[in-house]
């Protein structure tokens, strides 16, 4: 793991991976969504609205996956003090928040014809909304700490504490009465018809590649900002020494 602690080595690998991940993710996710919109038949119960599935479900998984990434990176930072862990956590926060917001919006659109309402305060929807607010809080906190040059350990602790919400989201439809349907995919089995399952899995793969590409691109941008700031500080110190 510490083999990638060298920023130059990481940047070399990230530069090679970023574009293929972004392009591959965009192509695969677009093809899967198009497949779902044009080739998949209407559902027996939900009709045409089932097509939202191919964006809503991957967005939900990646919303939770984004915070899981933050939590793992935070743990690595606190325990092993990996120099890129805090940068990885910061990089995952914005795309994670975007996918969480997409999940909430598409879920609301899906819920209107299915449940007869845009929103209900049940366990799944409320815990997902809490996740979005956690993202906003983490982004604001980590950005403020980085801007002021303070330790990112406070943000790392916040990232670990916020991870408590992930199993709550996952199990909310089991623990509480909910309008939201129970889990359709569990370990080793699925209740989703293959005609819906395959484009869903391919869409999830495509959006996951896109997520990975965005995270790497953001890590490269954050490292570039840090290096540029370090160069400016060195020049300022040199100017002060010359003036003295």
C-alpha atoms as a PDB file:
ATOM      1  CA  UNK A   1       0.000   0.000   0.000  1.00  0.00           C
ATOM      2  CA  UNK A   2       2.829   2.381   0.860  1.00  0.00           C
ATOM      3  CA  UNK A   3       4.289   1.710  -2.588  1.00  0.00           C
ATOM      4  CA  UNK A   4       1.788   4.251  -3.901  1.00  0.00           C
ATOM      5  CA  UNK A   5       2.583   6.801  -1.178  1.00  0.00           C
ATOM      6  CA  UNK A   6       4.970   8.570  -3.540  1.00  0.00           C
ATOM      7  CA  UNK A   7       2.853  11.227  -5.308  1.00  0.00           C
ATOM      8  CA  UNK A   8       4.957  11.026  -8.488  1.00  0.00           C
ATOM      9  CA  UNK A   9       4.431   7.258  -8.727  1.00  0.00           C
ATOM     10  CA  UNK A  10       0.725   7.596  -8.019  1.00  0.00           C
ATOM     11  CA  UNK A  11       0.298  10.395 -10.569  1.00  0.00           C
ATOM     12  CA  UNK A  12       1.988   8.293 -13.229  1.00  0.00           C
ATOM     13  CA  UNK A  13      -0.475   5.431 -12.672  1.00  0.00           C
ATOM     14  CA  UNK A  14      -3.498   7.732 -12.233  1.00  0.00           C
ATOM     15  CA  UNK A  15      -2.711   9.603 -15.457  1.00  0.00           C
ATOM     16  CA  UNK A  16      -2.731   6.303 -17.353  1.00  0.00           C
ATOM     17  CA  UNK A  17      -5.995   5.090 -15.755  1.00  0.00           C
ATOM     18  CA  UNK A  18      -8.137   8.246 -15.637  1.00  0.00           C
ATOM     19  CA  UNK A  19      -9.111   8.589 -19.285  1.00  0.00           C
ATOM     20  CA  UNK A  20      -9.853   4.867 -19.894  1.00  0.00           C
ATOM     21  CA  UNK A  21     -12.026   4.786 -16.770  1.00  0.00           C
ATOM     22  CA  UNK A  22     -13.927   7.938 -17.748  1.00  0.00           C
ATOM     23  CA  UNK A  23     -14.420   6.947 -21.384  1.00  0.00           C
ATOM     24  CA  UNK A  24     -15.167   3.296 -20.604  1.00  0.00           C
ATOM     25  CA  UNK A  25     -17.579   4.242 -17.848  1.00  0.00           C
ATOM     26  CA  UNK A  26     -19.391   6.765 -20.032  1.00  0.00           C
ATOM     27  CA  UNK A  27     -19.728   4.305 -22.936  1.00  0.00           C
ATOM     28  CA  UNK A  28     -20.828   1.337 -20.815  1.00  0.00           C
ATOM     29  CA  UNK A  29     -23.270   3.281 -18.627  1.00  0.00           C
ATOM     30  CA  UNK A  30     -24.783   5.057 -21.644  1.00  0.00           C
ATOM     31  CA  UNK A  31     -25.187   1.773 -23.528  1.00  0.00           C
ATOM     32  CA  UNK A  32     -26.780   0.087 -20.496  1.00  0.00           C
ATOM     33  CA  UNK A  33     -29.195   2.957 -19.859  1.00  0.00           C
ATOM     34  CA  UNK A  34     -30.108   3.032 -23.560  1.00  0.00           C
ATOM     35  CA  UNK A  35     -30.661  -0.733 -23.389  1.00  0.00           C
ATOM     36  CA  UNK A  36     -32.945  -0.274 -20.413  1.00  0.00           C
ATOM     37  CA  UNK A  37     -34.873   2.568 -22.027  1.00  0.00           C
ATOM     38  CA  UNK A  38     -35.430   0.969 -25.429  1.00  0.00           C
ATOM     39  CA  UNK A  39     -35.149  -2.821 -25.132  1.00  0.00           C
ATOM     40  CA  UNK A  40     -36.485  -3.762 -21.704  1.00  0.00           C
ATOM     41  CA  UNK A  41     -40.263  -4.390 -21.563  1.00  0.00           C
ATOM     42  CA  UNK A  42     -42.507  -2.532 -19.077  1.00  0.00           C
ATOM     43  CA  UNK A  43     -42.827  -4.111 -15.648  1.00  0.00           C
ATOM     44  CA  UNK A  44     -46.042  -5.954 -14.809  1.00  0.00           C
ATOM     45  CA  UNK A  45     -46.696  -3.773 -11.759  1.00  0.00           C
ATOM     46  CA  UNK A  46     -44.722  -0.553 -12.281  1.00  0.00           C
ATOM     47  CA  UNK A  47     -45.109  -0.217 -16.031  1.00  0.00           C
ATOM     48  CA  UNK A  48     -42.802   2.193 -17.853  1.00  0.00           C
ATOM     49  CA  UNK A  49     -41.536   3.807 -14.619  1.00  0.00           C
ATOM     50  CA  UNK A  50     -39.352   0.746 -13.999  1.00  0.00           C
ATOM     51  CA  UNK A  51     -36.840   2.201 -16.471  1.00  0.00           C
ATOM     52  CA  UNK A  52     -35.678   4.652 -13.782  1.00  0.00           C
ATOM     53  CA  UNK A  53     -34.171   1.552 -12.138  1.00  0.00           C
ATOM     54  CA  UNK A  54     -31.114   1.684 -14.402  1.00  0.00           C
ATOM     55  CA  UNK A  55     -30.052   5.071 -13.026  1.00  0.00           C
ATOM     56  CA  UNK A  56     -31.600   5.038  -9.554  1.00  0.00           C
ATOM     57  CA  UNK A  57     -30.072   1.796  -8.270  1.00  0.00           C
ATOM     58  CA  UNK A  58     -26.476   2.417  -9.473  1.00  0.00           C
ATOM     59  CA  UNK A  59     -26.712   5.946  -8.029  1.00  0.00           C
ATOM     60  CA  UNK A  60     -27.834   4.544  -4.662  1.00  0.00           C
ATOM     61  CA  UNK A  61     -25.037   1.977  -4.587  1.00  0.00           C
ATOM     62  CA  UNK A  62     -22.403   4.550  -5.519  1.00  0.00           C
ATOM     63  CA  UNK A  63     -23.772   7.074  -3.037  1.00  0.00           C
ATOM     64  CA  UNK A  64     -23.147   4.503  -0.301  1.00  0.00           C
ATOM     65  CA  UNK A  65     -19.940   3.357  -2.007  1.00  0.00           C
ATOM     66  CA  UNK A  66     -18.592   6.897  -2.009  1.00  0.00           C
ATOM     67  CA  UNK A  67     -18.933   7.214   1.757  1.00  0.00           C
ATOM     68  CA  UNK A  68     -17.499   3.713   2.198  1.00  0.00           C
ATOM     69  CA  UNK A  69     -14.478   4.961   0.243  1.00  0.00           C
ATOM     70  CA  UNK A  70     -14.232   7.976   2.564  1.00  0.00           C
ATOM     71  CA  UNK A  71     -14.435   5.716   5.635  1.00  0.00           C
ATOM     72  CA  UNK A  72     -11.757   3.301   4.377  1.00  0.00           C
ATOM     73  CA  UNK A  73      -9.447   6.157   3.368  1.00  0.00           C
ATOM     74  CA  UNK A  74     -10.042   7.809   6.755  1.00  0.00           C
ATOM     75  CA  UNK A  75      -9.144   4.591   8.568  1.00  0.00           C
ATOM     76  CA  UNK A  76      -5.974   4.252   6.489  1.00  0.00           C
ATOM     77  CA  UNK A  77      -5.060   7.854   7.282  1.00  0.00           C
ATOM     78  CA  UNK A  78      -5.612   7.500  11.032  1.00  0.00           C
ATOM     79  CA  UNK A  79      -3.979   4.080  11.454  1.00  0.00           C
ATOM     80  CA  UNK A  80      -1.237   3.944   8.816  1.00  0.00           C
ATOM     81  CA  UNK A  81      -0.903   7.706   8.125  1.00  0.00           C
ATOM     82  CA  UNK A  82      -0.850   7.099   4.379  1.00  0.00           C
ATOM     83  CA  UNK A  83      -0.074  10.463   2.735  1.00  0.00           C
ATOM     84  CA  UNK A  84      -2.628  10.022  -0.071  1.00  0.00           C
ATOM     85  CA  UNK A  85      -5.504   8.725   2.077  1.00  0.00           C
ATOM     86  CA  UNK A  86      -6.893  12.161   2.979  1.00  0.00           C
ATOM     87  CA  UNK A  87      -6.675  13.211  -0.670  1.00  0.00           C
ATOM     88  CA  UNK A  88      -8.560  10.067  -1.746  1.00  0.00           C
ATOM     89  CA  UNK A  89     -11.304  10.772   0.806  1.00  0.00           C
ATOM     90  CA  UNK A  90     -11.667  14.380  -0.359  1.00  0.00           C
ATOM     91  CA  UNK A  91     -11.725  13.256  -3.980  1.00  0.00           C
ATOM     92  CA  UNK A  92     -14.513  10.714  -3.369  1.00  0.00           C
ATOM     93  CA  UNK A  93     -16.766  13.139  -1.492  1.00  0.00           C
ATOM     94  CA  UNK A  94     -18.085  15.250  -4.386  1.00  0.00           C
ATOM     95  CA  UNK A  95     -18.942  12.396  -6.806  1.00  0.00           C
ATOM     96  CA  UNK A  96     -20.425  10.488  -3.877  1.00  0.00           C
ATOM     97  CA  UNK A  97     -22.646  13.456  -3.050  1.00  0.00           C
ATOM     98  CA  UNK A  98     -23.677  13.809  -6.699  1.00  0.00           C
ATOM     99  CA  UNK A  99     -24.715  10.158  -6.942  1.00  0.00           C
ATOM    100  CA  UNK A 100     -26.601  10.445  -3.642  1.00  0.00           C
ATOM    101  CA  UNK A 101     -28.490  13.466  -4.957  1.00  0.00           C
ATOM    102  CA  UNK A 102     -29.268  11.619  -8.212  1.00  0.00           C
ATOM    103  CA  UNK A 103     -30.559   8.701  -6.147  1.00  0.00           C
ATOM    104  CA  UNK A 104     -32.892  10.964  -4.160  1.00  0.00           C
ATOM    105  CA  UNK A 105     -34.183  12.819  -7.225  1.00  0.00           C
ATOM    106  CA  UNK A 106     -34.795   9.692  -9.327  1.00  0.00           C
ATOM    107  CA  UNK A 107     -36.325   7.951  -6.321  1.00  0.00           C
ATOM    108  CA  UNK A 108     -38.735  10.838  -5.863  1.00  0.00           C
ATOM    109  CA  UNK A 109     -39.680  10.746  -9.554  1.00  0.00           C
ATOM    110  CA  UNK A 110     -40.157   6.979  -9.314  1.00  0.00           C
ATOM    111  CA  UNK A 111     -42.154   7.253  -6.096  1.00  0.00           C
ATOM    112  CA  UNK A 112     -44.740   9.717  -7.413  1.00  0.00           C
ATOM    113  CA  UNK A 113     -46.567   7.293  -9.768  1.00  0.00           C
ATOM    114  CA  UNK A 114     -45.710   4.205  -7.695  1.00  0.00           C
ATOM    115  CA  UNK A 115     -46.563   5.419  -4.176  1.00  0.00           C
ATOM    116  CA  UNK A 116     -48.714   8.415  -5.033  1.00  0.00           C
ATOM    117  CA  UNK A 117     -46.355  10.873  -3.354  1.00  0.00           C
ATOM    118  CA  UNK A 118     -43.005  12.540  -4.047  1.00  0.00           C
ATOM    119  CA  UNK A 119     -41.612  11.894  -0.570  1.00  0.00           C
ATOM    120  CA  UNK A 120     -42.250   9.883   2.596  1.00  0.00           C
ATOM    121  CA  UNK A 121     -40.266  10.088   5.805  1.00  0.00           C
ATOM    122  CA  UNK A 122     -39.471   6.399   6.076  1.00  0.00           C
ATOM    123  CA  UNK A 123     -36.212   4.760   7.076  1.00  0.00           C
ATOM    124  CA  UNK A 124     -34.650   4.304   3.623  1.00  0.00           C
ATOM    125  CA  UNK A 125     -35.408   7.759   2.239  1.00  0.00           C
ATOM    126  CA  UNK A 126     -34.584   9.594   5.453  1.00  0.00           C
ATOM    127  CA  UNK A 127     -31.261   7.799   5.983  1.00  0.00           C
ATOM    128  CA  UNK A 128     -30.322   8.502   2.356  1.00  0.00           C
ATOM    129  CA  UNK A 129     -31.111  12.190   2.868  1.00  0.00           C
ATOM    130  CA  UNK A 130     -28.969  12.126   6.015  1.00  0.00           C
ATOM    131  CA  UNK A 131     -26.153  10.713   3.863  1.00  0.00           C
ATOM    132  CA  UNK A 132     -26.413  13.694   1.509  1.00  0.00           C
ATOM    133  CA  UNK A 133     -26.153  16.114   4.445  1.00  0.00           C
ATOM    134  CA  UNK A 134     -23.161  14.142   5.765  1.00  0.00           C
ATOM    135  CA  UNK A 135     -21.490  14.614   2.383  1.00  0.00           C
ATOM    136  CA  UNK A 136     -22.156  18.358   2.508  1.00  0.00           C
ATOM    137  CA  UNK A 137     -20.690  18.521   6.013  1.00  0.00           C
ATOM    138  CA  UNK A 138     -17.619  16.489   5.075  1.00  0.00           C
ATOM    139  CA  UNK A 139     -16.951  18.549   1.936  1.00  0.00           C
ATOM    140  CA  UNK A 140     -17.208  21.809   3.894  1.00  0.00           C
ATOM    141  CA  UNK A 141     -15.046  20.514   6.769  1.00  0.00           C
ATOM    142  CA  UNK A 142     -12.286  18.939   4.665  1.00  0.00           C
ATOM    143  CA  UNK A 143     -12.130  21.960   2.337  1.00  0.00           C
ATOM    144  CA  UNK A 144     -11.882  24.340   5.299  1.00  0.00           C
ATOM    145  CA  UNK A 145      -9.113  22.292   6.939  1.00  0.00           C
ATOM    146  CA  UNK A 146      -7.162  22.084   3.684  1.00  0.00           C
ATOM    147  CA  UNK A 147      -7.571  25.805   3.020  1.00  0.00           C
ATOM    148  CA  UNK A 148      -6.291  26.714   6.482  1.00  0.00           C
ATOM    149  CA  UNK A 149      -3.456  24.179   6.351  1.00  0.00           C
ATOM    150  CA  UNK A 150      -4.714  22.227   9.368  1.00  0.00           C
ATOM    151  CA  UNK A 151      -4.559  18.481  10.004  1.00  0.00           C
ATOM    152  CA  UNK A 152      -7.108  16.388   8.123  1.00  0.00           C
ATOM    153  CA  UNK A 153      -7.499  13.988  11.060  1.00  0.00           C
ATOM    154  CA  UNK A 154     -10.678  15.760  12.197  1.00  0.00           C
ATOM    155  CA  UNK A 155     -12.243  15.126   8.783  1.00  0.00           C
ATOM    156  CA  UNK A 156     -11.046  11.508   8.955  1.00  0.00           C
ATOM    157  CA  UNK A 157     -12.806  11.013  12.292  1.00  0.00           C
ATOM    158  CA  UNK A 158     -15.946  12.576  10.803  1.00  0.00           C
ATOM    159  CA  UNK A 159     -15.684  10.150   7.873  1.00  0.00           C
ATOM    160  CA  UNK A 160     -15.509   7.146  10.192  1.00  0.00           C
ATOM    161  CA  UNK A 161     -18.386   8.308  12.397  1.00  0.00           C
ATOM    162  CA  UNK A 162     -20.555   9.002   9.349  1.00  0.00           C
ATOM    163  CA  UNK A 163     -20.029   5.425   8.166  1.00  0.00           C
ATOM    164  CA  UNK A 164     -22.505   4.332  10.853  1.00  0.00           C
ATOM    165  CA  UNK A 165     -25.231   5.514   8.473  1.00  0.00           C
ATOM    166  CA  UNK A 166     -24.269   3.034   5.711  1.00  0.00           C
ATOM    167  CA  UNK A 167     -25.595  -0.147   7.400  1.00  0.00           C
ATOM    168  CA  UNK A 168     -28.634   1.850   8.526  1.00  0.00           C
ATOM    169  CA  UNK A 169     -29.409   2.657   4.870  1.00  0.00           C
ATOM    170  CA  UNK A 170     -28.795  -0.929   3.841  1.00  0.00           C
ATOM    171  CA  UNK A 171     -30.996  -2.524   6.522  1.00  0.00           C
ATOM    172  CA  UNK A 172     -33.633   0.196   6.895  1.00  0.00           C
ATOM    173  CA  UNK A 173     -36.228  -1.634   4.777  1.00  0.00           C
ATOM    174  CA  UNK A 174     -35.758  -4.711   6.979  1.00  0.00           C
ATOM    175  CA  UNK A 175     -35.741  -2.982  10.369  1.00  0.00           C
ATOM    176  CA  UNK A 176     -38.711  -0.632   9.812  1.00  0.00           C
ATOM    177  CA  UNK A 177     -42.001  -0.655   7.933  1.00  0.00           C
ATOM    178  CA  UNK A 178     -41.382   1.064   4.625  1.00  0.00           C
ATOM    179  CA  UNK A 179     -43.049   1.876   1.330  1.00  0.00           C
ATOM    180  CA  UNK A 180     -39.678   1.121  -0.250  1.00  0.00           C
ATOM    181  CA  UNK A 181     -39.404  -2.402  -1.578  1.00  0.00           C
ATOM    182  CA  UNK A 182     -37.218  -4.904   0.349  1.00  0.00           C
ATOM    183  CA  UNK A 183     -33.737  -5.835  -0.941  1.00  0.00           C
ATOM    184  CA  UNK A 184     -33.947  -7.356  -4.425  1.00  0.00           C
ATOM    185  CA  UNK A 185     -30.305  -8.438  -4.591  1.00  0.00           C
ATOM    186  CA  UNK A 186     -28.676 -10.261  -1.686  1.00  0.00           C
ATOM    187  CA  UNK A 187     -25.602 -12.438  -1.322  1.00  0.00           C
ATOM    188  CA  UNK A 188     -25.679 -15.010  -4.112  1.00  0.00           C
ATOM    189  CA  UNK A 189     -29.279 -14.460  -5.203  1.00  0.00           C
ATOM    190  CA  UNK A 190     -31.612 -11.972  -6.847  1.00  0.00           C
ATOM    191  CA  UNK A 191     -35.376 -11.588  -7.145  1.00  0.00           C
ATOM    192  CA  UNK A 192     -35.024  -9.370 -10.235  1.00  0.00           C
ATOM    193  CA  UNK A 193     -35.960 -10.902 -13.575  1.00  0.00           C
ATOM    194  CA  UNK A 194     -32.842 -11.404 -15.771  1.00  0.00           C
ATOM    195  CA  UNK A 195     -34.320  -9.121 -18.436  1.00  0.00           C
ATOM    196  CA  UNK A 196     -33.931  -6.260 -15.927  1.00  0.00           C
ATOM    197  CA  UNK A 197     -30.960  -7.627 -13.982  1.00  0.00           C
ATOM    198  CA  UNK A 198     -28.383  -7.741 -16.778  1.00  0.00           C
ATOM    199  CA  UNK A 199     -28.717  -4.126 -17.983  1.00  0.00           C
ATOM    200  CA  UNK A 200     -28.836  -3.062 -14.322  1.00  0.00           C
ATOM    201  CA  UNK A 201     -25.550  -4.812 -13.537  1.00  0.00           C
ATOM    202  CA  UNK A 202     -23.919  -3.418 -16.679  1.00  0.00           C
ATOM    203  CA  UNK A 203     -25.152   0.084 -15.839  1.00  0.00           C
ATOM    204  CA  UNK A 204     -23.725  -0.295 -12.329  1.00  0.00           C
ATOM    205  CA  UNK A 205     -20.379  -1.360 -13.787  1.00  0.00           C
ATOM    206  CA  UNK A 206     -20.350   1.629 -16.138  1.00  0.00           C
ATOM    207  CA  UNK A 207     -21.257   4.160 -13.442  1.00  0.00           C
ATOM    208  CA  UNK A 208     -18.666   2.584 -11.123  1.00  0.00           C
ATOM    209  CA  UNK A 209     -15.929   3.042 -13.733  1.00  0.00           C
ATOM    210  CA  UNK A 210     -17.086   6.627 -14.204  1.00  0.00           C
ATOM    211  CA  UNK A 211     -16.966   7.163 -10.439  1.00  0.00           C
ATOM    212  CA  UNK A 212     -13.426   5.748 -10.292  1.00  0.00           C
ATOM    213  CA  UNK A 213     -12.288   7.974 -13.146  1.00  0.00           C
ATOM    214  CA  UNK A 214     -13.720  11.086 -11.508  1.00  0.00           C
ATOM    215  CA  UNK A 215     -12.064  10.220  -8.173  1.00  0.00           C
ATOM    216  CA  UNK A 216      -8.672   9.779  -9.849  1.00  0.00           C
ATOM    217  CA  UNK A 217      -9.110  13.033 -11.786  1.00  0.00           C
ATOM    218  CA  UNK A 218      -9.985  14.872  -8.586  1.00  0.00           C
ATOM    219  CA  UNK A 219      -7.012  13.350  -6.749  1.00  0.00           C
ATOM    220  CA  UNK A 220      -4.713  14.560  -9.518  1.00  0.00           C
ATOM    221  CA  UNK A 221      -6.259  18.046  -9.339  1.00  0.00           C
ATOM    222  CA  UNK A 222      -5.925  18.195  -5.532  1.00  0.00           C
ATOM    223  CA  UNK A 223      -2.279  17.068  -5.714  1.00  0.00           C
ATOM    224  CA  UNK A 224      -1.602  19.686  -8.400  1.00  0.00           C
ATOM    225  CA  UNK A 225      -3.083  22.387  -6.149  1.00  0.00           C
ATOM    226  CA  UNK A 226      -0.969  21.221  -3.197  1.00  0.00           C
ATOM    227  CA  UNK A 227       2.204  21.209  -5.295  1.00  0.00           C
ATOM    228  CA  UNK A 228       1.425  24.646  -6.748  1.00  0.00           C
ATOM    229  CA  UNK A 229       0.821  26.038  -3.254  1.00  0.00           C
ATOM    230  CA  UNK A 230       4.092  24.520  -2.036  1.00  0.00           C
ATOM    231  CA  UNK A 231       5.985  26.163  -4.920  1.00  0.00           C
ATOM    232  CA  UNK A 232       4.413  29.525  -4.118  1.00  0.00           C
ATOM    233  CA  UNK A 233       5.440  29.199  -0.465  1.00  0.00           C
ATOM    234  CA  UNK A 234       9.014  28.362  -1.444  1.00  0.00           C
ATOM    235  CA  UNK A 235       9.177  31.383  -3.763  1.00  0.00           C
ATOM    236  CA  UNK A 236       7.777  33.609  -1.022  1.00  0.00           C
ATOM    237  CA  UNK A 237      10.404  32.355   1.448  1.00  0.00           C
ATOM    238  CA  UNK A 238      13.170  32.883  -1.112  1.00  0.00           C
ATOM    239  CA  UNK A 239      11.940  36.428  -1.763  1.00  0.00           C
ATOM    240  CA  UNK A 240      11.934  37.147   1.986  1.00  0.00           C
ATOM    241  CA  UNK A 241      15.491  35.768   2.328  1.00  0.00           C
ATOM    242  CA  UNK A 242      16.712  37.894  -0.572  1.00  0.00           C
ATOM    243  CA  UNK A 243      15.012  40.981   0.878  1.00  0.00           C
ATOM    244  CA  UNK A 244      16.647  40.361   4.240  1.00  0.00           C
END
